[in-house]
Amino acid sequence: DMNGTEEDLFFLSNGHISPVWYSVLSRRGYFPIEELSTFRKINSRLQGHPATEEGLPGIRIASGSLGQGLSVAIGAAQVKMLNGESTWVFSLHGDGELQEGQIW
């Protein structure tokens, strides 16, 4: 279930590593592994940076602007705390994002 309620959340902030995340999602059964061969092809759901409008489960934010994922993850964690949930929120960042002002 990927609806976000009463479950741990993961936000991929450094979207340029999307092939890794797509691989994880496909191997967990969220879409066919064969679809990985369409990566970055015209009309493919699997583009260089994940996009929410593609309808892929597990893609919660359209990443690309470095450093944005931390703000989103903090907001999601605050909502979970206010709702009394005891689940976790994770956000993955790359070294380049550490140079962005909102990270430090």
PDB file of N, CA and C in Angstrom:
ATOM      1  N   ASP A   1       0.854  -1.180   0.000  1.00  0.00           N
ATOM      2  CA  ASP A   1       0.000   0.000   0.000  1.00  0.00           C
ATOM      3  C   ASP A   1       0.889   1.229   0.000  1.00  0.00           C
ATOM      4  N   MET A   2       0.622   2.150  -0.902  1.00  0.00           N
ATOM      5  CA  MET A   2       1.457   3.344  -1.024  1.00  0.00           C
ATOM      6  C   MET A   2       0.652   4.620  -0.783  1.00  0.00           C
ATOM      7  N   ASN A   3      -0.368   4.566   0.076  1.00  0.00           N
ATOM      8  CA  ASN A   3      -1.188   5.759   0.268  1.00  0.00           C
ATOM      9  C   ASN A   3      -0.607   6.736   1.272  1.00  0.00           C
ATOM     10  N   GLY A   4       0.399   6.349   2.033  1.00  0.00           N
ATOM     11  CA  GLY A   4       1.077   7.274   2.938  1.00  0.00           C
ATOM     12  C   GLY A   4       0.532   7.315   4.341  1.00  0.00           C
ATOM     13  N   THR A   5      -0.650   6.754   4.583  1.00  0.00           N
ATOM     14  CA  THR A   5      -1.233   6.779   5.909  1.00  0.00           C
ATOM     15  C   THR A   5      -0.807   5.539   6.680  1.00  0.00           C
ATOM     16  N   GLU A   6      -0.315   5.754   7.884  1.00  0.00           N
ATOM     17  CA  GLU A   6       0.108   4.655   8.751  1.00  0.00           C
ATOM     18  C   GLU A   6       1.147   3.746   8.091  1.00  0.00           C
ATOM     19  N   GLU A   7       2.044   4.350   7.330  1.00  0.00           N
ATOM     20  CA  GLU A   7       3.146   3.598   6.733  1.00  0.00           C
ATOM     21  C   GLU A   7       4.377   4.490   6.692  1.00  0.00           C
ATOM     22  N   ASP A   8       5.539   3.874   6.638  1.00  0.00           N
ATOM     23  CA  ASP A   8       6.767   4.636   6.489  1.00  0.00           C
ATOM     24  C   ASP A   8       6.784   5.281   5.105  1.00  0.00           C
ATOM     25  N   LEU A   9       7.402   6.453   5.016  1.00  0.00           N
ATOM     26  CA  LEU A   9       7.496   7.166   3.744  1.00  0.00           C
ATOM     27  C   LEU A   9       8.954   7.308   3.331  1.00  0.00           C
ATOM     28  N   PHE A  10       9.201   7.297   2.031  1.00  0.00           N
ATOM     29  CA  PHE A  10      10.530   7.517   1.480  1.00  0.00           C
ATOM     30  C   PHE A  10      10.448   8.586   0.402  1.00  0.00           C
ATOM     31  N   PHE A  11      11.330   9.578   0.485  1.00  0.00           N
ATOM     32  CA  PHE A  11      11.409  10.631  -0.516  1.00  0.00           C
ATOM     33  C   PHE A  11      12.789  10.597  -1.153  1.00  0.00           C
ATOM     34  N   LEU A  12      12.825  10.474  -2.476  1.00  0.00           N
ATOM     35  CA  LEU A  12      14.080  10.514  -3.215  1.00  0.00           C
ATOM     36  C   LEU A  12      14.334  11.958  -3.600  1.00  0.00           C
ATOM     37  N   SER A  13      15.284  12.592  -2.928  1.00  0.00           N
ATOM     38  CA  SER A  13      15.554  13.997  -3.186  1.00  0.00           C
ATOM     39  C   SER A  13      16.484  14.184  -4.380  1.00  0.00           C
ATOM     40  N   ASN A  14      17.513  13.363  -4.482  1.00  0.00           N
ATOM     41  CA  ASN A  14      18.444  13.480  -5.611  1.00  0.00           C
ATOM     42  C   ASN A  14      17.934  12.613  -6.763  1.00  0.00           C
ATOM     43  N   GLY A  15      16.991  13.177  -7.511  1.00  0.00           N
ATOM     44  CA  GLY A  15      16.265  12.433  -8.531  1.00  0.00           C
ATOM     45  C   GLY A  15      17.107  11.858  -9.643  1.00  0.00           C
ATOM     46  N   HIS A  16      18.328  12.368  -9.827  1.00  0.00           N
ATOM     47  CA  HIS A  16      19.161  11.854 -10.914  1.00  0.00           C
ATOM     48  C   HIS A  16      19.622  10.416 -10.667  1.00  0.00           C
ATOM     49  N   ILE A  17      19.379   9.866  -9.489  1.00  0.00           N
ATOM     50  CA  ILE A  17      19.678   8.448  -9.265  1.00  0.00           C
ATOM     51  C   ILE A  17      18.402   7.604  -9.418  1.00  0.00           C
ATOM     52  N   SER A  18      17.456   8.126 -10.176  1.00  0.00           N
ATOM     53  CA  SER A  18      16.176   7.436 -10.371  1.00  0.00           C
ATOM     54  C   SER A  18      16.312   6.002 -10.883  1.00  0.00           C
ATOM     55  N   PRO A  19      17.313   5.646 -11.698  1.00  0.00           N
ATOM     56  CA  PRO A  19      17.401   4.245 -12.122  1.00  0.00           C
ATOM     57  C   PRO A  19      17.478   3.268 -10.942  1.00  0.00           C
ATOM     58  N   VAL A  20      18.143   3.669  -9.886  1.00  0.00           N
ATOM     59  CA  VAL A  20      18.238   2.808  -8.703  1.00  0.00           C
ATOM     60  C   VAL A  20      16.861   2.641  -8.068  1.00  0.00           C
ATOM     61  N   TRP A  21      16.138   3.740  -7.902  1.00  0.00           N
ATOM     62  CA  TRP A  21      14.814   3.699  -7.276  1.00  0.00           C
ATOM     63  C   TRP A  21      13.824   2.937  -8.151  1.00  0.00           C
ATOM     64  N   TYR A  22      13.880   3.159  -9.476  1.00  0.00           N
ATOM     65  CA  TYR A  22      13.008   2.404 -10.375  1.00  0.00           C
ATOM     66  C   TYR A  22      13.278   0.905 -10.249  1.00  0.00           C
ATOM     67  N   SER A  23      14.540   0.539 -10.147  1.00  0.00           N
ATOM     68  CA  SER A  23      14.905  -0.871 -10.015  1.00  0.00           C
ATOM     69  C   SER A  23      14.319  -1.476  -8.739  1.00  0.00           C
ATOM     70  N   VAL A  24      14.421  -0.733  -7.640  1.00  0.00           N
ATOM     71  CA  VAL A  24      13.863  -1.208  -6.369  1.00  0.00           C
ATOM     72  C   VAL A  24      12.348  -1.383  -6.489  1.00  0.00           C
ATOM     73  N   LEU A  25      11.674  -0.378  -7.034  1.00  0.00           N
ATOM     74  CA  LEU A  25      10.214  -0.449  -7.159  1.00  0.00           C
ATOM     75  C   LEU A  25       9.777  -1.622  -8.035  1.00  0.00           C
ATOM     76  N   SER A  26      10.481  -1.835  -9.137  1.00  0.00           N
ATOM     77  CA  SER A  26      10.086  -2.938 -10.023  1.00  0.00           C
ATOM     78  C   SER A  26      10.327  -4.289  -9.359  1.00  0.00           C
ATOM     79  N   ARG A  27      11.425  -4.416  -8.651  1.00  0.00           N
ATOM     80  CA  ARG A  27      11.721  -5.686  -8.001  1.00  0.00           C
ATOM     81  C   ARG A  27      10.794  -5.957  -6.811  1.00  0.00           C
ATOM     82  N   ARG A  28      10.165  -4.926  -6.286  1.00  0.00           N
ATOM     83  CA  ARG A  28       9.172  -5.100  -5.219  1.00  0.00           C
ATOM     84  C   ARG A  28       7.774  -5.324  -5.799  1.00  0.00           C
ATOM     85  N   GLY A  29       7.658  -5.311  -7.131  1.00  0.00           N
ATOM     86  CA  GLY A  29       6.396  -5.647  -7.772  1.00  0.00           C
ATOM     87  C   GLY A  29       5.467  -4.485  -8.070  1.00  0.00           C
ATOM     88  N   TYR A  30       5.943  -3.261  -7.994  1.00  0.00           N
ATOM     89  CA  TYR A  30       5.070  -2.114  -8.245  1.00  0.00           C
ATOM     90  C   TYR A  30       4.858  -1.843  -9.726  1.00  0.00           C
ATOM     91  N   PHE A  31       5.738  -2.352 -10.563  1.00  0.00           N
ATOM     92  CA  PHE A  31       5.533  -2.355 -12.004  1.00  0.00           C
ATOM     93  C   PHE A  31       6.445  -3.433 -12.593  1.00  0.00           C
ATOM     94  N   PRO A  32       6.164  -3.897 -13.818  1.00  0.00           N
ATOM     95  CA  PRO A  32       6.938  -5.008 -14.390  1.00  0.00           C
ATOM     96  C   PRO A  32       8.419  -4.662 -14.582  1.00  0.00           C
ATOM     97  N   ILE A  33       9.283  -5.600 -14.274  1.00  0.00           N
ATOM     98  CA  ILE A  33      10.723  -5.400 -14.449  1.00  0.00           C
ATOM     99  C   ILE A  33      11.047  -5.070 -15.906  1.00  0.00           C
ATOM    100  N   GLU A  34      10.294  -5.619 -16.839  1.00  0.00           N
ATOM    101  CA  GLU A  34      10.538  -5.370 -18.262  1.00  0.00           C
ATOM    102  C   GLU A  34      10.430  -3.885 -18.607  1.00  0.00           C
ATOM    103  N   GLU A  35       9.657  -3.143 -17.823  1.00  0.00           N
ATOM    104  CA  GLU A  35       9.490  -1.717 -18.097  1.00  0.00           C
ATOM    105  C   GLU A  35      10.789  -0.938 -17.885  1.00  0.00           C
ATOM    106  N   LEU A  36      11.725  -1.502 -17.139  1.00  0.00           N
ATOM    107  CA  LEU A  36      13.013  -0.831 -16.928  1.00  0.00           C
ATOM    108  C   LEU A  36      13.735  -0.573 -18.244  1.00  0.00           C
ATOM    109  N   SER A  37      13.495  -1.384 -19.249  1.00  0.00           N
ATOM    110  CA  SER A  37      14.163  -1.205 -20.547  1.00  0.00           C
ATOM    111  C   SER A  37      13.650   0.020 -21.299  1.00  0.00           C
ATOM    112  N   THR A  38      12.594   0.663 -20.792  1.00  0.00           N
ATOM    113  CA  THR A  38      12.066   1.869 -21.440  1.00  0.00           C
ATOM    114  C   THR A  38      12.625   3.144 -20.815  1.00  0.00           C
ATOM    115  N   PHE A  39      13.578   3.009 -19.901  1.00  0.00           N
ATOM    116  CA  PHE A  39      14.120   4.171 -19.188  1.00  0.00           C
ATOM    117  C   PHE A  39      14.585   5.258 -20.161  1.00  0.00           C
ATOM    118  N   ARG A  40      14.089   6.479 -19.949  1.00  0.00           N
ATOM    119  CA  ARG A  40      14.418   7.693 -20.697  1.00  0.00           C
ATOM    120  C   ARG A  40      14.053   7.624 -22.176  1.00  0.00           C
ATOM    121  N   LYS A  41      13.150   6.750 -22.537  1.00  0.00           N
ATOM    122  CA  LYS A  41      12.678   6.704 -23.917  1.00  0.00           C
ATOM    123  C   LYS A  41      11.419   7.556 -24.029  1.00  0.00           C
ATOM    124  N   ILE A  42      11.123   8.006 -25.233  1.00  0.00           N
ATOM    125  CA  ILE A  42       9.952   8.846 -25.467  1.00  0.00           C
ATOM    126  C   ILE A  42       8.697   8.101 -25.019  1.00  0.00           C
ATOM    127  N   ASN A  43       7.836   8.800 -24.308  1.00  0.00           N
ATOM    128  CA  ASN A  43       6.567   8.292 -23.778  1.00  0.00           C
ATOM    129  C   ASN A  43       6.720   7.251 -22.673  1.00  0.00           C
ATOM    130  N   SER A  44       7.920   7.069 -22.153  1.00  0.00           N
ATOM    131  CA  SER A  44       8.120   6.142 -21.041  1.00  0.00           C
ATOM    132  C   SER A  44       7.747   6.824 -19.726  1.00  0.00           C
ATOM    133  N   ARG A  45       7.254   6.046 -18.780  1.00  0.00           N
ATOM    134  CA  ARG A  45       6.998   6.582 -17.439  1.00  0.00           C
ATOM    135  C   ARG A  45       8.294   6.755 -16.664  1.00  0.00           C
ATOM    136  N   LEU A  46       9.350   6.100 -17.098  1.00  0.00           N
ATOM    137  CA  LEU A  46      10.623   6.091 -16.379  1.00  0.00           C
ATOM    138  C   LEU A  46      11.578   7.109 -16.994  1.00  0.00           C
ATOM    139  N   GLN A  47      11.531   8.310 -16.492  1.00  0.00           N
ATOM    140  CA  GLN A  47      12.381   9.370 -17.019  1.00  0.00           C
ATOM    141  C   GLN A  47      13.584   9.605 -16.112  1.00  0.00           C
ATOM    142  N   GLY A  48      14.475  10.495 -16.533  1.00  0.00           N
ATOM    143  CA  GLY A  48      15.721  10.753 -15.816  1.00  0.00           C
ATOM    144  C   GLY A  48      15.527  11.287 -14.414  1.00  0.00           C
ATOM    145  N   HIS A  49      14.446  12.018 -14.201  1.00  0.00           N
ATOM    146  CA  HIS A  49      14.052  12.458 -12.863  1.00  0.00           C
ATOM    147  C   HIS A  49      12.610  12.001 -12.661  1.00  0.00           C
ATOM    148  N   PRO A  50      12.309  11.389 -11.528  1.00  0.00           N
ATOM    149  CA  PRO A  50      10.940  10.908 -11.305  1.00  0.00           C
ATOM    150  C   PRO A  50       9.927  12.048 -11.346  1.00  0.00           C
ATOM    151  N   ALA A  51       8.755  11.755 -11.874  1.00  0.00           N
ATOM    152  CA  ALA A  51       7.683  12.744 -11.942  1.00  0.00           C
ATOM    153  C   ALA A  51       6.401  12.126 -11.388  1.00  0.00           C
ATOM    154  N   THR A  52       5.685  12.893 -10.602  1.00  0.00           N
ATOM    155  CA  THR A  52       4.470  12.380  -9.972  1.00  0.00           C
ATOM    156  C   THR A  52       3.349  12.141 -10.974  1.00  0.00           C
ATOM    157  N   GLU A  53       3.314  12.883 -12.069  1.00  0.00           N
ATOM    158  CA  GLU A  53       2.211  12.735 -13.021  1.00  0.00           C
ATOM    159  C   GLU A  53       2.283  11.438 -13.821  1.00  0.00           C
ATOM    160  N   GLU A  54       3.369  10.697 -13.701  1.00  0.00           N
ATOM    161  CA  GLU A  54       3.497   9.432 -14.428  1.00  0.00           C
ATOM    162  C   GLU A  54       2.719   8.300 -13.766  1.00  0.00           C
ATOM    163  N   GLY A  55       2.245   8.509 -12.543  1.00  0.00           N
ATOM    164  CA  GLY A  55       1.421   7.515 -11.876  1.00  0.00           C
ATOM    165  C   GLY A  55       2.165   6.306 -11.337  1.00  0.00           C
ATOM    166  N   LEU A  56       3.452   6.447 -11.114  1.00  0.00           N
ATOM    167  CA  LEU A  56       4.224   5.331 -10.559  1.00  0.00           C
ATOM    168  C   LEU A  56       4.088   5.297  -9.046  1.00  0.00           C
ATOM    169  N   PRO A  57       3.790   4.148  -8.471  1.00  0.00           N
ATOM    170  CA  PRO A  57       3.741   4.055  -7.011  1.00  0.00           C
ATOM    171  C   PRO A  57       5.130   4.263  -6.431  1.00  0.00           C
ATOM    172  N   GLY A  58       5.190   4.924  -5.299  1.00  0.00           N
ATOM    173  CA  GLY A  58       6.474   5.166  -4.650  1.00  0.00           C
ATOM    174  C   GLY A  58       7.136   6.461  -5.058  1.00  0.00           C
ATOM    175  N   ILE A  59       6.624   7.121  -6.093  1.00  0.00           N
ATOM    176  CA  ILE A  59       7.153   8.421  -6.506  1.00  0.00           C
ATOM    177  C   ILE A  59       6.253   9.470  -5.865  1.00  0.00           C
ATOM    178  N   ARG A  60       6.724  10.054  -4.787  1.00  0.00           N
ATOM    179  CA  ARG A  60       5.895  10.980  -4.006  1.00  0.00           C
ATOM    180  C   ARG A  60       6.143  12.435  -4.366  1.00  0.00           C
ATOM    181  N   ILE A  61       7.333  12.729  -4.882  1.00  0.00           N
ATOM    182  CA  ILE A  61       7.650  14.104  -5.275  1.00  0.00           C
ATOM    183  C   ILE A  61       8.385  14.076  -6.608  1.00  0.00           C
ATOM    184  N   ALA A  62       8.221  15.140  -7.372  1.00  0.00           N
ATOM    185  CA  ALA A  62       9.006  15.312  -8.593  1.00  0.00           C
ATOM    186  C   ALA A  62      10.325  15.943  -8.173  1.00  0.00           C
ATOM    187  N   SER A  63      11.369  15.146  -8.166  1.00  0.00           N
ATOM    188  CA  SER A  63      12.652  15.659  -7.693  1.00  0.00           C
ATOM    189  C   SER A  63      13.477  16.158  -8.867  1.00  0.00           C
ATOM    190  N   GLY A  64      14.447  16.940  -8.567  1.00  0.00           N
ATOM    191  CA  GLY A  64      15.307  17.516  -9.589  1.00  0.00           C
ATOM    192  C   GLY A  64      16.037  18.714  -9.025  1.00  0.00           C
ATOM    193  N   SER A  65      15.288  19.595  -8.368  1.00  0.00           N
ATOM    194  CA  SER A  65      15.921  20.731  -7.699  1.00  0.00           C
ATOM    195  C   SER A  65      16.576  20.212  -6.431  1.00  0.00           C
ATOM    196  N   LEU A  66      17.891  20.264  -6.397  1.00  0.00           N
ATOM    197  CA  LEU A  66      18.618  19.691  -5.270  1.00  0.00           C
ATOM    198  C   LEU A  66      18.254  20.373  -3.959  1.00  0.00           C
ATOM    199  N   GLY A  67      18.072  19.572  -2.931  1.00  0.00           N
ATOM    200  CA  GLY A  67      17.789  20.080  -1.598  1.00  0.00           C
ATOM    201  C   GLY A  67      16.319  20.168  -1.241  1.00  0.00           C
ATOM    202  N   GLN A  68      15.435  20.047  -2.214  1.00  0.00           N
ATOM    203  CA  GLN A  68      14.003  20.204  -1.953  1.00  0.00           C
ATOM    204  C   GLN A  68      13.418  19.054  -1.139  1.00  0.00           C
ATOM    205  N   GLY A  69      13.959  17.875  -1.279  1.00  0.00           N
ATOM    206  CA  GLY A  69      13.402  16.699  -0.620  1.00  0.00           C
ATOM    207  C   GLY A  69      13.405  16.777   0.891  1.00  0.00           C
ATOM    208  N   LEU A  70      14.411  17.430   1.464  1.00  0.00           N
ATOM    209  CA  LEU A  70      14.474  17.532   2.921  1.00  0.00           C
ATOM    210  C   LEU A  70      13.286  18.323   3.459  1.00  0.00           C
ATOM    211  N   SER A  71      12.952  19.429   2.805  1.00  0.00           N
ATOM    212  CA  SER A  71      11.810  20.237   3.241  1.00  0.00           C
ATOM    213  C   SER A  71      10.514  19.440   3.163  1.00  0.00           C
ATOM    214  N   VAL A  72      10.341  18.689   2.089  1.00  0.00           N
ATOM    215  CA  VAL A  72       9.138  17.870   1.924  1.00  0.00           C
ATOM    216  C   VAL A  72       9.076  16.790   2.998  1.00  0.00           C
ATOM    217  N   ALA A  73      10.205  16.135   3.247  1.00  0.00           N
ATOM    218  CA  ALA A  73      10.242  15.064   4.247  1.00  0.00           C
ATOM    219  C   ALA A  73       9.946  15.596   5.645  1.00  0.00           C
ATOM    220  N   ILE A  74      10.478  16.760   5.970  1.00  0.00           N
ATOM    221  CA  ILE A  74      10.207  17.354   7.283  1.00  0.00           C
ATOM    222  C   ILE A  74       8.725  17.673   7.419  1.00  0.00           C
ATOM    223  N   GLY A  75       8.131  18.220   6.365  1.00  0.00           N
ATOM    224  CA  GLY A  75       6.700  18.506   6.394  1.00  0.00           C
ATOM    225  C   GLY A  75       5.870  17.249   6.578  1.00  0.00           C
ATOM    226  N   ALA A  76       6.231  16.183   5.867  1.00  0.00           N
ATOM    227  CA  ALA A  76       5.511  14.911   5.995  1.00  0.00           C
ATOM    228  C   ALA A  76       5.651  14.350   7.402  1.00  0.00           C
ATOM    229  N   ALA A  77       6.842  14.468   7.977  1.00  0.00           N
ATOM    230  CA  ALA A  77       7.066  13.969   9.338  1.00  0.00           C
ATOM    231  C   ALA A  77       6.238  14.755  10.350  1.00  0.00           C
ATOM    232  N   GLN A  78       6.143  16.068  10.152  1.00  0.00           N
ATOM    233  CA  GLN A  78       5.341  16.880  11.068  1.00  0.00           C
ATOM    234  C   GLN A  78       3.865  16.504  10.989  1.00  0.00           C
ATOM    235  N   VAL A  79       3.360  16.274   9.787  1.00  0.00           N
ATOM    236  CA  VAL A  79       1.962  15.853   9.629  1.00  0.00           C
ATOM    237  C   VAL A  79       1.728  14.523  10.341  1.00  0.00           C
ATOM    238  N   LYS A  80       2.657  13.591  10.182  1.00  0.00           N
ATOM    239  CA  LYS A  80       2.516  12.292  10.846  1.00  0.00           C
ATOM    240  C   LYS A  80       2.509  12.452  12.368  1.00  0.00           C
ATOM    241  N   MET A  81       3.362  13.325  12.884  1.00  0.00           N
ATOM    242  CA  MET A  81       3.382  13.561  14.336  1.00  0.00           C
ATOM    243  C   MET A  81       2.065  14.172  14.801  1.00  0.00           C
ATOM    244  N   LEU A  82       1.558  15.166  14.060  1.00  0.00           N
ATOM    245  CA  LEU A  82       0.296  15.809  14.431  1.00  0.00           C
ATOM    246  C   LEU A  82      -0.875  14.825  14.386  1.00  0.00           C
ATOM    247  N   ASN A  83      -0.797  13.846  13.492  1.00  0.00           N
ATOM    248  CA  ASN A  83      -1.850  12.832  13.377  1.00  0.00           C
ATOM    249  C   ASN A  83      -1.661  11.667  14.341  1.00  0.00           C
ATOM    250  N   GLY A  84      -0.608  11.729  15.148  1.00  0.00           N
ATOM    251  CA  GLY A  84      -0.366  10.683  16.132  1.00  0.00           C
ATOM    252  C   GLY A  84       0.185   9.389  15.560  1.00  0.00           C
ATOM    253  N   GLU A  85       0.721   9.441  14.362  1.00  0.00           N
ATOM    254  CA  GLU A  85       1.295   8.240  13.751  1.00  0.00           C
ATOM    255  C   GLU A  85       2.693   7.989  14.312  1.00  0.00           C
ATOM    256  N   SER A  86       3.068   6.739  14.384  1.00  0.00           N
ATOM    257  CA  SER A  86       4.396   6.396  14.895  1.00  0.00           C
ATOM    258  C   SER A  86       5.282   5.819  13.793  1.00  0.00           C
ATOM    259  N   THR A  87       4.973   6.156  12.554  1.00  0.00           N
ATOM    260  CA  THR A  87       5.747   5.649  11.423  1.00  0.00           C
ATOM    261  C   THR A  87       6.927   6.566  11.127  1.00  0.00           C
ATOM    262  N   TRP A  88       7.810   6.121  10.239  1.00  0.00           N
ATOM    263  CA  TRP A  88       9.042   6.833   9.934  1.00  0.00           C
ATOM    264  C   TRP A  88       8.958   7.539   8.583  1.00  0.00           C
ATOM    265  N   VAL A  89       9.762   8.597   8.440  1.00  0.00           N
ATOM    266  CA  VAL A  89       9.921   9.290   7.165  1.00  0.00           C
ATOM    267  C   VAL A  89      11.407   9.296   6.836  1.00  0.00           C
ATOM    268  N   PHE A  90      11.739   8.832   5.631  1.00  0.00           N
ATOM    269  CA  PHE A  90      13.126   8.782   5.175  1.00  0.00           C
ATOM    270  C   PHE A  90      13.287   9.667   3.950  1.00  0.00           C
ATOM    271  N   SER A  91      14.466  10.260   3.819  1.00  0.00           N
ATOM    272  CA  SER A  91      14.774  11.069   2.650  1.00  0.00           C
ATOM    273  C   SER A  91      16.220  10.808   2.258  1.00  0.00           C
ATOM    274  N   LEU A  92      16.441  10.489   0.988  1.00  0.00           N
ATOM    275  CA  LEU A  92      17.788  10.207   0.495  1.00  0.00           C
ATOM    276  C   LEU A  92      18.319  11.414  -0.264  1.00  0.00           C
ATOM    277  N   HIS A  93      19.546  11.816   0.082  1.00  0.00           N
ATOM    278  CA  HIS A  93      20.178  12.989  -0.529  1.00  0.00           C
ATOM    279  C   HIS A  93      21.558  12.635  -1.034  1.00  0.00           C
ATOM    280  N   GLY A  94      22.016  13.378  -2.020  1.00  0.00           N
ATOM    281  CA  GLY A  94      23.363  13.199  -2.536  1.00  0.00           C
ATOM    282  C   GLY A  94      24.303  14.257  -1.997  1.00  0.00           C
ATOM    283  N   ASP A  95      25.590  14.068  -2.254  1.00  0.00           N
ATOM    284  CA  ASP A  95      26.586  15.002  -1.735  1.00  0.00           C
ATOM    285  C   ASP A  95      26.425  16.399  -2.313  1.00  0.00           C
ATOM    286  N   GLY A  96      25.959  16.523  -3.552  1.00  0.00           N
ATOM    287  CA  GLY A  96      25.762  17.839  -4.145  1.00  0.00           C
ATOM    288  C   GLY A  96      24.709  18.657  -3.419  1.00  0.00           C
ATOM    289  N   GLU A  97      23.746  17.984  -2.840  1.00  0.00           N
ATOM    290  CA  GLU A  97      22.687  18.695  -2.124  1.00  0.00           C
ATOM    291  C   GLU A  97      23.193  19.341  -0.842  1.00  0.00           C
ATOM    292  N   LEU A  98      24.269  18.827  -0.310  1.00  0.00           N
ATOM    293  CA  LEU A  98      24.804  19.387   0.931  1.00  0.00           C
ATOM    294  C   LEU A  98      25.319  20.805   0.736  1.00  0.00           C
ATOM    295  N   GLN A  99      25.465  21.234  -0.505  1.00  0.00           N
ATOM    296  CA  GLN A  99      25.904  22.595  -0.805  1.00  0.00           C
ATOM    297  C   GLN A  99      24.728  23.561  -0.945  1.00  0.00           C
ATOM    298  N   GLU A 100      23.522  23.048  -0.872  1.00  0.00           N
ATOM    299  CA  GLU A 100      22.331  23.892  -1.011  1.00  0.00           C
ATOM    300  C   GLU A 100      21.983  24.532   0.324  1.00  0.00           C
ATOM    301  N   GLY A 101      21.610  25.787   0.291  1.00  0.00           N
ATOM    302  CA  GLY A 101      21.350  26.554   1.501  1.00  0.00           C
ATOM    303  C   GLY A 101      20.297  25.983   2.419  1.00  0.00           C
ATOM    304  N   GLN A 102      19.223  25.433   1.871  1.00  0.00           N
ATOM    305  CA  GLN A 102      18.162  24.933   2.751  1.00  0.00           C
ATOM    306  C   GLN A 102      18.549  23.646   3.453  1.00  0.00           C
ATOM    307  N   ILE A 103      19.619  22.991   3.025  1.00  0.00           N
ATOM    308  CA  ILE A 103      20.088  21.789   3.714  1.00  0.00           C
ATOM    309  C   ILE A 103      20.856  22.155   4.971  1.00  0.00           C
ATOM    310  N   TRP A 104      21.689  23.166   4.911  1.00  0.00           N
ATOM    311  CA  TRP A 104      22.483  23.510   6.080  1.00  0.00           C
ATOM    312  C   TRP A 104      21.956  24.752   6.715  1.00  0.00           C
TER     313      TRP A 104
END
